[in-house]
PDB file of N, CA and C in Angstrom:
ATOM      1  N   MET A   1      92.482 104.448  83.039  1.00  0.00           N
ATOM      2  CA  MET A   1      93.890 104.480  83.375  1.00  0.00           C
ATOM      3  C   MET A   1      94.092 105.186  84.720  1.00  0.00           C
ATOM      4  N   GLU A   2      93.414 106.332  84.916  1.00  0.00           N
ATOM      5  CA  GLU A   2      93.562 107.062  86.179  1.00  0.00           C
ATOM      6  C   GLU A   2      93.097 106.222  87.359  1.00  0.00           C
ATOM      7  N   GLN A   3      92.015 105.469  87.161  1.00  0.00           N
ATOM      8  CA  GLN A   3      91.507 104.618  88.238  1.00  0.00           C
ATOM      9  C   GLN A   3      92.518 103.523  88.574  1.00  0.00           C
ATOM     10  N   LEU A   4      93.131 102.924  87.558  1.00  0.00           N
ATOM     11  CA  LEU A   4      94.144 101.892  87.778  1.00  0.00           C
ATOM     12  C   LEU A   4      95.321 102.460  88.570  1.00  0.00           C
ATOM     13  N   ILE A   5      95.772 103.650  88.192  1.00  0.00           N
ATOM     14  CA  ILE A   5      96.883 104.286  88.906  1.00  0.00           C
ATOM     15  C   ILE A   5      96.492 104.562  90.352  1.00  0.00           C
ATOM     16  N   ALA A   6      95.300 105.127  90.556  1.00  0.00           N
ATOM     17  CA  ALA A   6      94.841 105.433  91.918  1.00  0.00           C
ATOM     18  C   ALA A   6      94.755 104.166  92.768  1.00  0.00           C
ATOM     19  N   GLU A   7      94.258 103.079  92.184  1.00  0.00           N
ATOM     20  CA  GLU A   7      94.153 101.813  92.920  1.00  0.00           C
ATOM     21  C   GLU A   7      95.524 101.285  93.317  1.00  0.00           C
ATOM     22  N   ARG A   8      96.485 101.338  92.393  1.00  0.00           N
ATOM     23  CA  ARG A   8      97.825 100.811  92.691  1.00  0.00           C
ATOM     24  C   ARG A   8      98.549 101.669  93.723  1.00  0.00           C
ATOM     25  N   VAL A   9      98.398 102.992  93.614  1.00  0.00           N
ATOM     26  CA  VAL A   9      99.020 103.878  94.607  1.00  0.00           C
ATOM     27  C   VAL A   9      98.395 103.637  95.978  1.00  0.00           C
ATOM     28  N   ASP A  10      97.078 103.471  96.028  1.00  0.00           N
ATOM     29  CA  ASP A  10      96.395 103.180  97.292  1.00  0.00           C
ATOM     30  C   ASP A  10      96.884 101.854  97.881  1.00  0.00           C
ATOM     31  N   THR A  11      97.017 100.844  97.037  1.00  0.00           N
ATOM     32  CA  THR A  11      97.540  99.548  97.487  1.00  0.00           C
ATOM     33  C   THR A  11      98.952  99.703  98.036  1.00  0.00           C
ATOM     34  N   PHE A  12      99.768 100.505  97.352  1.00  0.00           N
ATOM     35  CA  PHE A  12     101.143 100.749  97.799  1.00  0.00           C
ATOM     36  C   PHE A  12     101.149 101.398  99.182  1.00  0.00           C
ATOM     37  N   TRP A  13     100.359 102.471  99.352  1.00  0.00           N
ATOM     38  CA  TRP A  13     100.334 103.178 100.634  1.00  0.00           C
ATOM     39  C   TRP A  13      99.833 102.278 101.754  1.00  0.00           C
ATOM     40  N   LYS A  14      98.807 101.491 101.494  1.00  0.00           N
ATOM     41  CA  LYS A  14      98.296 100.582 102.530  1.00  0.00           C
ATOM     42  C   LYS A  14      99.345  99.554 102.918  1.00  0.00           C
ATOM     43  N   GLY A  15     100.141  99.102 101.952  1.00  0.00           N
ATOM     44  CA  GLY A  15     101.194  98.130 102.239  1.00  0.00           C
ATOM     45  C   GLY A  15     102.363  98.732 102.988  1.00  0.00           C
ATOM     46  N   ILE A  16     102.624 100.013 102.753  1.00  0.00           N
ATOM     47  CA  ILE A  16     103.767 100.697 103.372  1.00  0.00           C
ATOM     48  C   ILE A  16     103.450 101.195 104.784  1.00  0.00           C
ATOM     49  N   GLU A  17     102.206 101.667 104.998  1.00  0.00           N
ATOM     50  CA  GLU A  17     101.893 102.320 106.276  1.00  0.00           C
ATOM     51  C   GLU A  17     102.025 101.360 107.455  1.00  0.00           C
ATOM     52  N   GLY A  18     102.244 101.936 108.596  1.00  0.00           N
ATOM     53  CA  GLY A  18     102.318 101.118 109.803  1.00  0.00           C
ATOM     54  C   GLY A  18     103.728 100.789 110.250  1.00  0.00           C
ATOM     55  N   GLY A  19     104.728 101.304 109.586  1.00  0.00           N
ATOM     56  CA  GLY A  19     106.091 101.028 110.019  1.00  0.00           C
ATOM     57  C   GLY A  19     107.069 101.976 109.363  1.00  0.00           C
ATOM     58  N   ALA A  20     108.166 102.224 110.032  1.00  0.00           N
ATOM     59  CA  ALA A  20     109.196 103.104 109.479  1.00  0.00           C
ATOM     60  C   ALA A  20     110.141 102.295 108.592  1.00  0.00           C
ATOM     61  N   ASN A  21     110.755 102.988 107.647  1.00  0.00           N
ATOM     62  CA  ASN A  21     111.783 102.408 106.773  1.00  0.00           C
ATOM     63  C   ASN A  21     111.312 101.190 105.977  1.00  0.00           C
ATOM     64  N   LYS A  22     110.100 101.232 105.469  1.00  0.00           N
ATOM     65  CA  LYS A  22     109.623 100.149 104.606  1.00  0.00           C
ATOM     66  C   LYS A  22     109.980 100.467 103.166  1.00  0.00           C
ATOM     67  N   ARG A  23     110.225  99.422 102.400  1.00  0.00           N
ATOM     68  CA  ARG A  23     110.582  99.578 100.986  1.00  0.00           C
ATOM     69  C   ARG A  23     109.527  98.926 100.105  1.00  0.00           C
ATOM     70  N   GLY A  24     109.359  99.496  98.919  1.00  0.00           N
ATOM     71  CA  GLY A  24     108.409  98.928  97.987  1.00  0.00           C
ATOM     72  C   GLY A  24     108.727  99.327  96.560  1.00  0.00           C
ATOM     73  N   GLN A  25     107.940  98.775  95.641  1.00  0.00           N
ATOM     74  CA  GLN A  25     108.110  99.058  94.219  1.00  0.00           C
ATOM     75  C   GLN A  25     106.743  99.150  93.560  1.00  0.00           C
ATOM     76  N   ILE A  26     106.673 100.008  92.569  1.00  0.00           N
ATOM     77  CA  ILE A  26     105.545  99.996  91.639  1.00  0.00           C
ATOM     78  C   ILE A  26     106.167  99.705  90.278  1.00  0.00           C
ATOM     79  N   ILE A  27     105.713  98.627  89.662  1.00  0.00           N
ATOM     80  CA  ILE A  27     106.289  98.168  88.399  1.00  0.00           C
ATOM     81  C   ILE A  27     105.243  98.353  87.298  1.00  0.00           C
ATOM     82  N   VAL A  28     105.603  99.093  86.261  1.00  0.00           N
ATOM     83  CA  VAL A  28     104.704  99.336  85.129  1.00  0.00           C
ATOM     84  C   VAL A  28     105.267  98.596  83.919  1.00  0.00           C
ATOM     85  N   THR A  29     104.467  97.677  83.360  1.00  0.00           N
ATOM     86  CA  THR A  29     104.901  96.864  82.227  1.00  0.00           C
ATOM     87  C   THR A  29     103.987  97.120  81.032  1.00  0.00           C
ATOM     88  N   PHE A  30     104.585  97.457  79.900  1.00  0.00           N
ATOM     89  CA  PHE A  30     103.852  97.629  78.646  1.00  0.00           C
ATOM     90  C   PHE A  30     104.080  96.385  77.794  1.00  0.00           C
ATOM     91  N   SER A  31     103.007  95.873  77.203  1.00  0.00           N
ATOM     92  CA  SER A  31     103.092  94.660  76.394  1.00  0.00           C
ATOM     93  C   SER A  31     102.441  94.893  75.043  1.00  0.00           C
ATOM     94  N   GLU A  32     102.611  93.919  74.187  1.00  0.00           N
ATOM     95  CA  GLU A  32     101.869  93.897  72.926  1.00  0.00           C
ATOM     96  C   GLU A  32     101.245  92.519  72.786  1.00  0.00           C
ATOM     97  N   LYS A  33     100.132  92.464  72.080  1.00  0.00           N
ATOM     98  CA  LYS A  33      99.459  91.189  71.831  1.00  0.00           C
ATOM     99  C   LYS A  33     100.080  90.547  70.604  1.00  0.00           C
ATOM    100  N   ARG A  34     100.471  89.293  70.754  1.00  0.00           N
ATOM    101  CA  ARG A  34     101.025  88.536  69.628  1.00  0.00           C
ATOM    102  C   ARG A  34     100.309  87.196  69.538  1.00  0.00           C
ATOM    103  N   PRO A  35     100.234  86.657  68.324  1.00  0.00           N
ATOM    104  CA  PRO A  35      99.628  85.329  68.191  1.00  0.00           C
ATOM    105  C   PRO A  35     100.448  84.295  68.961  1.00  0.00           C
ATOM    106  N   LYS A  36      99.749  83.453  69.687  1.00  0.00           N
ATOM    107  CA  LYS A  36     100.408  82.369  70.422  1.00  0.00           C
ATOM    108  C   LYS A  36     100.247  81.100  69.599  1.00  0.00           C
ATOM    109  N   LYS A  37     101.359  80.438  69.354  1.00  0.00           N
ATOM    110  CA  LYS A  37     101.323  79.229  68.532  1.00  0.00           C
ATOM    111  C   LYS A  37     101.833  78.040  69.328  1.00  0.00           C
ATOM    112  N   SER A  38     101.356  76.875  68.946  1.00  0.00           N
ATOM    113  CA  SER A  38     101.797  75.645  69.608  1.00  0.00           C
ATOM    114  C   SER A  38     103.038  75.104  68.901  1.00  0.00           C
ATOM    115  N   TRP A  39     103.472  73.938  69.303  1.00  0.00           N
ATOM    116  CA  TRP A  39     104.654  73.296  68.723  1.00  0.00           C
ATOM    117  C   TRP A  39     104.555  73.148  67.209  1.00  0.00           C
ATOM    118  N   PHE A  40     103.369  72.905  66.715  1.00  0.00           N
ATOM    119  CA  PHE A  40     103.186  72.638  65.285  1.00  0.00           C
ATOM    120  C   PHE A  40     102.655  73.858  64.541  1.00  0.00           C
ATOM    121  N   GLN A  41     102.934  75.058  65.087  1.00  0.00           N
ATOM    122  CA  GLN A  41     102.550  76.322  64.471  1.00  0.00           C
ATOM    123  C   GLN A  41     101.041  76.481  64.320  1.00  0.00           C
ATOM    124  N   VAL A  42     100.280  75.845  65.192  1.00  0.00           N
ATOM    125  CA  VAL A  42      98.833  75.990  65.198  1.00  0.00           C
ATOM    126  C   VAL A  42      98.495  77.202  66.066  1.00  0.00           C
ATOM    127  N   TYR A  43      97.634  78.082  65.565  1.00  0.00           N
ATOM    128  CA  TYR A  43      97.259  79.297  66.290  1.00  0.00           C
ATOM    129  C   TYR A  43      96.504  78.930  67.558  1.00  0.00           C
ATOM    130  N   MET A  44      96.968  79.438  68.707  1.00  0.00           N
ATOM    131  CA  MET A  44      96.371  79.095  70.002  1.00  0.00           C
ATOM    132  C   MET A  44      95.842  80.330  70.737  1.00  0.00           C
ATOM    133  N   GLY A  45      95.497  81.399  70.022  1.00  0.00           N
ATOM    134  CA  GLY A  45      95.026  82.623  70.669  1.00  0.00           C
ATOM    135  C   GLY A  45      96.129  83.663  70.724  1.00  0.00           C
ATOM    136  N   GLU A  46      95.997  84.592  71.661  1.00  0.00           N
ATOM    137  CA  GLU A  46      96.981  85.667  71.799  1.00  0.00           C
ATOM    138  C   GLU A  46      97.647  85.615  73.166  1.00  0.00           C
ATOM    139  N   GLU A  47      98.854  86.182  73.218  1.00  0.00           N
ATOM    140  CA  GLU A  47      99.567  86.295  74.482  1.00  0.00           C
ATOM    141  C   GLU A  47     100.142  87.703  74.595  1.00  0.00           C
ATOM    142  N   ASP A  48     100.292  88.175  75.831  1.00  0.00           N
ATOM    143  CA  ASP A  48     100.931  89.467  76.070  1.00  0.00           C
ATOM    144  C   ASP A  48     102.437  89.263  76.135  1.00  0.00           C
ATOM    145  N   VAL A  49     103.165  90.007  75.302  1.00  0.00           N
ATOM    146  CA  VAL A  49     104.629  89.931  75.277  1.00  0.00           C
ATOM    147  C   VAL A  49     105.172  91.295  75.722  1.00  0.00           C
ATOM    148  N   PRO A  50     105.797  91.362  76.910  1.00  0.00           N
ATOM    149  CA  PRO A  50     106.312  92.642  77.408  1.00  0.00           C
ATOM    150  C   PRO A  50     107.391  93.216  76.489  1.00  0.00           C
ATOM    151  N   TRP A  51     107.346  94.537  76.279  1.00  0.00           N
ATOM    152  CA  TRP A  51     108.384  95.195  75.487  1.00  0.00           C
ATOM    153  C   TRP A  51     109.063  96.324  76.263  1.00  0.00           C
ATOM    154  N   GLU A  52     108.478  96.741  77.390  1.00  0.00           N
ATOM    155  CA  GLU A  52     109.137  97.755  78.214  1.00  0.00           C
ATOM    156  C   GLU A  52     108.617  97.656  79.637  1.00  0.00           C
ATOM    157  N   GLN A  53     109.519  97.915  80.594  1.00  0.00           N
ATOM    158  CA  GLN A  53     109.134  97.857  82.000  1.00  0.00           C
ATOM    159  C   GLN A  53     109.861  98.973  82.757  1.00  0.00           C
ATOM    160  N   TRP A  54     109.099  99.676  83.588  1.00  0.00           N
ATOM    161  CA  TRP A  54     109.662 100.713  84.453  1.00  0.00           C
ATOM    162  C   TRP A  54     109.448 100.271  85.889  1.00  0.00           C
ATOM    163  N   ILE A  55     110.499 100.343  86.693  1.00  0.00           N
ATOM    164  CA  ILE A  55     110.416  99.968  88.103  1.00  0.00           C
ATOM    165  C   ILE A  55     110.700 101.212  88.937  1.00  0.00           C
ATOM    166  N   VAL A  56     109.714 101.595  89.748  1.00  0.00           N
ATOM    167  CA  VAL A  56     109.862 102.746  90.631  1.00  0.00           C
ATOM    168  C   VAL A  56     110.065 102.210  92.044  1.00  0.00           C
ATOM    169  N   ASN A  57     111.282 102.358  92.557  1.00  0.00           N
ATOM    170  CA  ASN A  57     111.601 101.920  93.915  1.00  0.00           C
ATOM    171  C   ASN A  57     111.300 103.052  94.885  1.00  0.00           C
ATOM    172  N   ALA A  58     110.750 102.702  96.036  1.00  0.00           N
ATOM    173  CA  ALA A  58     110.449 103.711  97.052  1.00  0.00           C
ATOM    174  C   ALA A  58     110.800 103.167  98.429  1.00  0.00           C
ATOM    175  N   GLU A  59     111.304 104.055  99.253  1.00  0.00           N
ATOM    176  CA  GLU A  59     111.594 103.706 100.641  1.00  0.00           C
ATOM    177  C   GLU A  59     110.999 104.801 101.513  1.00  0.00           C
ATOM    178  N   MET A  60     110.142 104.418 102.430  1.00  0.00           N
ATOM    179  CA  MET A  60     109.510 105.384 103.321  1.00  0.00           C
ATOM    180  C   MET A  60     110.356 105.521 104.580  1.00  0.00           C
ATOM    181  N   ARG A  61     110.637 106.764 104.946  1.00  0.00           N
ATOM    182  CA  ARG A  61     111.425 107.045 106.147  1.00  0.00           C
ATOM    183  C   ARG A  61     110.685 108.060 107.005  1.00  0.00           C
ATOM    184  N   GLN A  62     110.934 107.988 108.277  1.00  0.00           N
ATOM    185  CA  GLN A  62     110.392 108.954 109.222  1.00  0.00           C
ATOM    186  C   GLN A  62     111.561 109.746 109.801  1.00  0.00           C
ATOM    187  N   PRO A  63     111.869 110.913 109.222  1.00  0.00           N
ATOM    188  CA  PRO A  63     112.987 111.703 109.743  1.00  0.00           C
ATOM    189  C   PRO A  63     112.748 112.075 111.205  1.00  0.00           C
ATOM    190  N   LYS A  64     113.800 112.013 111.999  1.00  0.00           N
ATOM    191  CA  LYS A  64     113.680 112.255 113.430  1.00  0.00           C
ATOM    192  C   LYS A  64     113.758 113.738 113.791  1.00  0.00           C
ATOM    193  N   SER A  65     114.412 114.535 112.964  1.00  0.00           N
ATOM    194  CA  SER A  65     114.537 115.965 113.264  1.00  0.00           C
ATOM    195  C   SER A  65     114.166 116.779 112.025  1.00  0.00           C
ATOM    196  N   GLU A  66     114.013 118.082 112.229  1.00  0.00           N
ATOM    197  CA  GLU A  66     113.691 118.966 111.106  1.00  0.00           C
ATOM    198  C   GLU A  66     114.840 119.001 110.100  1.00  0.00           C
ATOM    199  N   ARG A  67     116.060 118.951 110.572  1.00  0.00           N
ATOM    200  CA  ARG A  67     117.227 118.928 109.682  1.00  0.00           C
ATOM    201  C   ARG A  67     117.200 117.662 108.815  1.00  0.00           C
ATOM    202  N   ASP A  68     116.906 116.511 109.446  1.00  0.00           N
ATOM    203  CA  ASP A  68     116.805 115.250 108.697  1.00  0.00           C
ATOM    204  C   ASP A  68     115.686 115.325 107.664  1.00  0.00           C
ATOM    205  N   ARG A  69     114.565 115.947 108.052  1.00  0.00           N
ATOM    206  CA  ARG A  69     113.415 116.072 107.142  1.00  0.00           C
ATOM    207  C   ARG A  69     113.792 116.918 105.920  1.00  0.00           C
ATOM    208  N   GLN A  70     114.489 118.026 106.141  1.00  0.00           N
ATOM    209  CA  GLN A  70     114.895 118.887 105.032  1.00  0.00           C
ATOM    210  C   GLN A  70     115.882 118.175 104.109  1.00  0.00           C
ATOM    211  N   ALA A  71     116.845 117.454 104.699  1.00  0.00           N
ATOM    212  CA  ALA A  71     117.817 116.706 103.888  1.00  0.00           C
ATOM    213  C   ALA A  71     117.111 115.625 103.080  1.00  0.00           C
ATOM    214  N   PHE A  72     116.154 114.950 103.719  1.00  0.00           N
ATOM    215  CA  PHE A  72     115.395 113.896 103.038  1.00  0.00           C
ATOM    216  C   PHE A  72     114.594 114.484 101.880  1.00  0.00           C
ATOM    217  N   ASN A  73     113.900 115.604 102.122  1.00  0.00           N
ATOM    218  CA  ASN A  73     113.092 116.227 101.069  1.00  0.00           C
ATOM    219  C   ASN A  73     113.956 116.686  99.898  1.00  0.00           C
ATOM    220  N   THR A  74     115.135 117.216 100.188  1.00  0.00           N
ATOM    221  CA  THR A  74     116.056 117.636  99.129  1.00  0.00           C
ATOM    222  C   THR A  74     116.520 116.434  98.309  1.00  0.00           C
ATOM    223  N   ALA A  75     116.900 115.360  99.001  1.00  0.00           N
ATOM    224  CA  ALA A  75     117.350 114.141  98.308  1.00  0.00           C
ATOM    225  C   ALA A  75     116.215 113.531  97.492  1.00  0.00           C
ATOM    226  N   LEU A  76     115.001 113.530  98.050  1.00  0.00           N
ATOM    227  CA  LEU A  76     113.842 112.978  97.344  1.00  0.00           C
ATOM    228  C   LEU A  76     113.563 113.770  96.070  1.00  0.00           C
ATOM    229  N   ALA A  77     113.567 115.090  96.161  1.00  0.00           N
ATOM    230  CA  ALA A  77     113.317 115.926  94.982  1.00  0.00           C
ATOM    231  C   ALA A  77     114.368 115.674  93.911  1.00  0.00           C
ATOM    232  N   SER A  78     115.619 115.567  94.324  1.00  0.00           N
ATOM    233  CA  SER A  78     116.702 115.312  93.370  1.00  0.00           C
ATOM    234  C   SER A  78     116.545 113.951  92.700  1.00  0.00           C
ATOM    235  N   THR A  79     116.232 112.935  93.494  1.00  0.00           N
ATOM    236  CA  THR A  79     116.069 111.580  92.958  1.00  0.00           C
ATOM    237  C   THR A  79     114.904 111.511  91.978  1.00  0.00           C
ATOM    238  N   LEU A  80     113.769 112.114  92.341  1.00  0.00           N
ATOM    239  CA  LEU A  80     112.612 112.104  91.439  1.00  0.00           C
ATOM    240  C   LEU A  80     112.918 112.863  90.151  1.00  0.00           C
ATOM    241  N   SER A  81     113.602 113.993  90.256  1.00  0.00           N
ATOM    242  CA  SER A  81     113.967 114.760  89.057  1.00  0.00           C
ATOM    243  C   SER A  81     114.875 113.949  88.142  1.00  0.00           C
ATOM    244  N   LYS A  82     115.865 113.276  88.717  1.00  0.00           N
ATOM    245  CA  LYS A  82     116.771 112.446  87.919  1.00  0.00           C
ATOM    246  C   LYS A  82     116.012 111.300  87.252  1.00  0.00           C
ATOM    247  N   SER A  83     115.085 110.683  87.993  1.00  0.00           N
ATOM    248  CA  SER A  83     114.306 109.571  87.430  1.00  0.00           C
ATOM    249  C   SER A  83     113.456 110.041  86.263  1.00  0.00           C
ATOM    250  N   LEU A  84     112.767 111.161  86.438  1.00  0.00           N
ATOM    251  CA  LEU A  84     111.946 111.698  85.348  1.00  0.00           C
ATOM    252  C   LEU A  84     112.805 112.083  84.154  1.00  0.00           C
ATOM    253  N   HIS A  85     113.958 112.674  84.403  1.00  0.00           N
ATOM    254  CA  HIS A  85     114.865 113.044  83.314  1.00  0.00           C
ATOM    255  C   HIS A  85     115.313 111.803  82.547  1.00  0.00           C
ATOM    256  N   THR A  86     115.647 110.736  83.270  1.00  0.00           N
ATOM    257  CA  THR A  86     116.057 109.482  82.628  1.00  0.00           C
ATOM    258  C   THR A  86     114.938 108.930  81.747  1.00  0.00           C
ATOM    259  N   MET A  87     113.710 108.886  82.288  1.00  0.00           N
ATOM    260  CA  MET A  87     112.572 108.372  81.517  1.00  0.00           C
ATOM    261  C   MET A  87     112.333 109.207  80.269  1.00  0.00           C
ATOM    262  N   LEU A  88     112.320 110.538  80.421  1.00  0.00           N
ATOM    263  CA  LEU A  88     112.056 111.417  79.279  1.00  0.00           C
ATOM    264  C   LEU A  88     113.164 111.346  78.238  1.00  0.00           C
ATOM    265  N   THR A  89     114.406 111.295  78.692  1.00  0.00           N
ATOM    266  CA  THR A  89     115.530 111.187  77.763  1.00  0.00           C
ATOM    267  C   THR A  89     115.444 109.885  76.979  1.00  0.00           C
ATOM    268  N   HIS A  90     115.155 108.792  77.674  1.00  0.00           N
ATOM    269  CA  HIS A  90     115.071 107.488  77.003  1.00  0.00           C
ATOM    270  C   HIS A  90     113.916 107.446  76.003  1.00  0.00           C
ATOM    271  N   THR A  91     112.732 107.867  76.450  1.00  0.00           N
ATOM    272  CA  THR A  91     111.567 107.739  75.574  1.00  0.00           C
ATOM    273  C   THR A  91     111.610 108.690  74.388  1.00  0.00           C
ATOM    274  N   SER A  92     112.344 109.788  74.494  1.00  0.00           N
ATOM    275  CA  SER A  92     112.424 110.712  73.357  1.00  0.00           C
ATOM    276  C   SER A  92     113.617 110.421  72.448  1.00  0.00           C
ATOM    277  N   SER A  93     114.457 109.472  72.823  1.00  0.00           N
ATOM    278  CA  SER A  93     115.617 109.137  71.996  1.00  0.00           C
ATOM    279  C   SER A  93     115.205 108.248  70.822  1.00  0.00           C
ATOM    280  N   GLU A  94     116.061 108.173  69.830  1.00  0.00           N
ATOM    281  CA  GLU A  94     115.805 107.306  68.673  1.00  0.00           C
ATOM    282  C   GLU A  94     115.662 105.857  69.123  1.00  0.00           C
ATOM    283  N   ARG A  95     116.546 105.433  70.008  1.00  0.00           N
ATOM    284  CA  ARG A  95     116.497 104.051  70.513  1.00  0.00           C
ATOM    285  C   ARG A  95     115.194 103.784  71.270  1.00  0.00           C
ATOM    286  N   GLY A  96     114.760 104.753  72.066  1.00  0.00           N
ATOM    287  CA  GLY A  96     113.519 104.599  72.815  1.00  0.00           C
ATOM    288  C   GLY A  96     112.314 104.506  71.904  1.00  0.00           C
ATOM    289  N   ARG A  97     112.289 105.320  70.859  1.00  0.00           N
ATOM    290  CA  ARG A  97     111.152 105.293  69.919  1.00  0.00           C
ATOM    291  C   ARG A  97     111.113 104.008  69.106  1.00  0.00           C
ATOM    292  N   THR A  98     112.278 103.433  68.795  1.00  0.00           N
ATOM    293  CA  THR A  98     112.278 102.198  68.004  1.00  0.00           C
ATOM    294  C   THR A  98     111.873 100.988  68.835  1.00  0.00           C
ATOM    295  N   ALA A  99     111.876 101.121  70.162  1.00  0.00           N
ATOM    296  CA  ALA A  99     111.469 100.002  71.024  1.00  0.00           C
ATOM    297  C   ALA A  99     109.960  99.797  71.018  1.00  0.00           C
ATOM    298  N   VAL A 100     109.223 100.829  70.633  1.00  0.00           N
ATOM    299  CA  VAL A 100     107.764 100.751  70.653  1.00  0.00           C
ATOM    300  C   VAL A 100     107.271  99.965  69.448  1.00  0.00           C
ATOM    301  N   PRO A 101     106.480  98.905  69.688  1.00  0.00           N
ATOM    302  CA  PRO A 101     105.942  98.130  68.562  1.00  0.00           C
ATOM    303  C   PRO A 101     104.943  98.958  67.743  1.00  0.00           C
ATOM    304  N   LEU A 102     104.673  98.508  66.544  1.00  0.00           N
ATOM    305  CA  LEU A 102     103.675  99.168  65.707  1.00  0.00           C
ATOM    306  C   LEU A 102     102.313  99.108  66.379  1.00  0.00           C
ATOM    307  N   ILE A 103     101.564 100.183  66.251  1.00  0.00           N
ATOM    308  CA  ILE A 103     100.214 100.216  66.812  1.00  0.00           C
ATOM    309  C   ILE A 103      99.280  99.568  65.805  1.00  0.00           C
ATOM    310  N   THR A 104      98.684  98.459  66.200  1.00  0.00           N
ATOM    311  CA  THR A 104      97.773  97.737  65.311  1.00  0.00           C
ATOM    312  C   THR A 104      96.324  97.866  65.760  1.00  0.00           C
ATOM    313  N   ASN A 105      96.104  98.369  66.986  1.00  0.00           N
ATOM    314  CA  ASN A 105      94.759  98.528  67.509  1.00  0.00           C
ATOM    315  C   ASN A 105      94.718  99.836  68.289  1.00  0.00           C
ATOM    316  N   ALA A 106      94.037 100.843  67.757  1.00  0.00           N
ATOM    317  CA  ALA A 106      94.018 102.157  68.388  1.00  0.00           C
ATOM    318  C   ALA A 106      92.784 102.371  69.258  1.00  0.00           C
ATOM    319  N   SER A 107      92.039 101.327  69.565  1.00  0.00           N
ATOM    320  CA  SER A 107      90.856 101.494  70.401  1.00  0.00           C
ATOM    321  C   SER A 107      91.248 101.409  71.874  1.00  0.00           C
ATOM    322  N   GLY A 108      90.438 102.007  72.723  1.00  0.00           N
ATOM    323  CA  GLY A 108      90.700 101.956  74.158  1.00  0.00           C
ATOM    324  C   GLY A 108      91.629 103.069  74.614  1.00  0.00           C
ATOM    325  N   ILE A 109      91.983 103.021  75.898  1.00  0.00           N
ATOM    326  CA  ILE A 109      92.830 104.049  76.502  1.00  0.00           C
ATOM    327  C   ILE A 109      94.243 103.980  75.952  1.00  0.00           C
ATOM    328  N   SER A 110      94.769 102.774  75.844  1.00  0.00           N
ATOM    329  CA  SER A 110      96.136 102.575  75.363  1.00  0.00           C
ATOM    330  C   SER A 110      96.120 101.479  74.312  1.00  0.00           C
ATOM    331  N   PRO A 111      96.897 101.632  73.240  1.00  0.00           N
ATOM    332  CA  PRO A 111      96.943 100.568  72.236  1.00  0.00           C
ATOM    333  C   PRO A 111      97.709  99.342  72.734  1.00  0.00           C
ATOM    334  N   PHE A 112      98.337  99.459  73.905  1.00  0.00           N
ATOM    335  CA  PHE A 112      99.123  98.356  74.459  1.00  0.00           C
ATOM    336  C   PHE A 112      98.582  97.965  75.832  1.00  0.00           C
ATOM    337  N   PRO A 113      98.563  96.662  76.131  1.00  0.00           N
ATOM    338  CA  PRO A 113      98.184  96.251  77.482  1.00  0.00           C
ATOM    339  C   PRO A 113      99.188  96.812  78.494  1.00  0.00           C
ATOM    340  N   VAL A 114      98.667  97.360  79.596  1.00  0.00           N
ATOM    341  CA  VAL A 114      99.496  97.925  80.658  1.00  0.00           C
ATOM    342  C   VAL A 114      99.203  97.166  81.942  1.00  0.00           C
ATOM    343  N   LYS A 115     100.258  96.743  82.617  1.00  0.00           N
ATOM    344  CA  LYS A 115     100.107  96.050  83.898  1.00  0.00           C
ATOM    345  C   LYS A 115     100.888  96.827  84.950  1.00  0.00           C
ATOM    346  N   MET A 116     100.247  97.115  86.081  1.00  0.00           N
ATOM    347  CA  MET A 116     100.921  97.784  87.191  1.00  0.00           C
ATOM    348  C   MET A 116     100.916  96.843  88.383  1.00  0.00           C
ATOM    349  N   THR A 117     102.105  96.550  88.872  1.00  0.00           N
ATOM    350  CA  THR A 117     102.274  95.633  89.984  1.00  0.00           C
ATOM    351  C   THR A 117     102.851  96.396  91.165  1.00  0.00           C
ATOM    352  N   VAL A 118     102.335  96.106  92.364  1.00  0.00           N
ATOM    353  CA  VAL A 118     102.837  96.727  93.584  1.00  0.00           C
ATOM    354  C   VAL A 118     103.493  95.651  94.433  1.00  0.00           C
ATOM    355  N   LYS A 119     104.720  95.931  94.884  1.00  0.00           N
ATOM    356  CA  LYS A 119     105.422  95.026  95.789  1.00  0.00           C
ATOM    357  C   LYS A 119     105.890  95.815  97.003  1.00  0.00           C
ATOM    358  N   VAL A 120     105.659  95.256  98.182  1.00  0.00           N
ATOM    359  CA  VAL A 120     106.158  95.841  99.426  1.00  0.00           C
ATOM    360  C   VAL A 120     106.887  94.742 100.170  1.00  0.00           C
ATOM    361  N   GLY A 121     108.139  95.006 100.502  1.00  0.00           N
ATOM    362  CA  GLY A 121     108.945  93.991 101.180  1.00  0.00           C
ATOM    363  C   GLY A 121     109.125  92.742 100.335  1.00  0.00           C
ATOM    364  N   GLY A 122     109.123  92.894  99.002  1.00  0.00           N
ATOM    365  CA  GLY A 122     109.306  91.762  98.099  1.00  0.00           C
ATOM    366  C   GLY A 122     108.054  90.940  97.849  1.00  0.00           C
ATOM    367  N   VAL A 123     106.919  91.331  98.459  1.00  0.00           N
ATOM    368  CA  VAL A 123     105.663  90.587  98.310  1.00  0.00           C
ATOM    369  C   VAL A 123     104.707  91.377  97.422  1.00  0.00           C
ATOM    370  N   GLU A 124     104.146  90.714  96.404  1.00  0.00           N
ATOM    371  CA  GLU A 124     103.195  91.370  95.508  1.00  0.00           C
ATOM    372  C   GLU A 124     101.868  91.553  96.228  1.00  0.00           C
ATOM    373  N   LEU A 125     101.300  92.757  96.110  1.00  0.00           N
ATOM    374  CA  LEU A 125     100.045  93.087  96.775  1.00  0.00           C
ATOM    375  C   LEU A 125      98.951  93.405  95.771  1.00  0.00           C
ATOM    376  N   GLY A 126      97.735  93.034  96.072  1.00  0.00           N
ATOM    377  CA  GLY A 126      96.573  93.460  95.321  1.00  0.00           C
ATOM    378  C   GLY A 126      96.479  93.034  93.880  1.00  0.00           C
ATOM    379  N   GLY A 127      97.160  92.008  93.471  1.00  0.00           N
ATOM    380  CA  GLY A 127      97.084  91.556  92.083  1.00  0.00           C
ATOM    381  C   GLY A 127      97.770  92.514  91.140  1.00  0.00           C
ATOM    382  N   GLY A 128      97.808  92.160  89.831  1.00  0.00           N
ATOM    383  CA  GLY A 128      98.509  93.000  88.854  1.00  0.00           C
ATOM    384  C   GLY A 128      97.596  93.518  87.902  1.00  0.00           C
TER     385      GLY A 128
END
């Protein structure tokens, strides 16, 4: 999991660098495996069915003055704190806990397939 995160963050930074005011997203999707059936209810293997998605929007800026840099850092800290608070509040709520499917396979790092997608300027980079 740590390697996947490091790879996606690296892909994000490589896509963002080289210009001011670039925008991007890191999208984290959690899925569950469900039986895939054909028209006649014949079992056709498994498919990943997403049950939750988090989208982290980022915009890189190059502040021109120290005052701009301080204002930017203050706004960034506030935005990140609010985002984390929203995620924690949602996931610890009754509604958030009921969104999680039953764990049927506890092997591996996560019982659910996780996909991390990086987009810069609306273009997906480095696969998902």
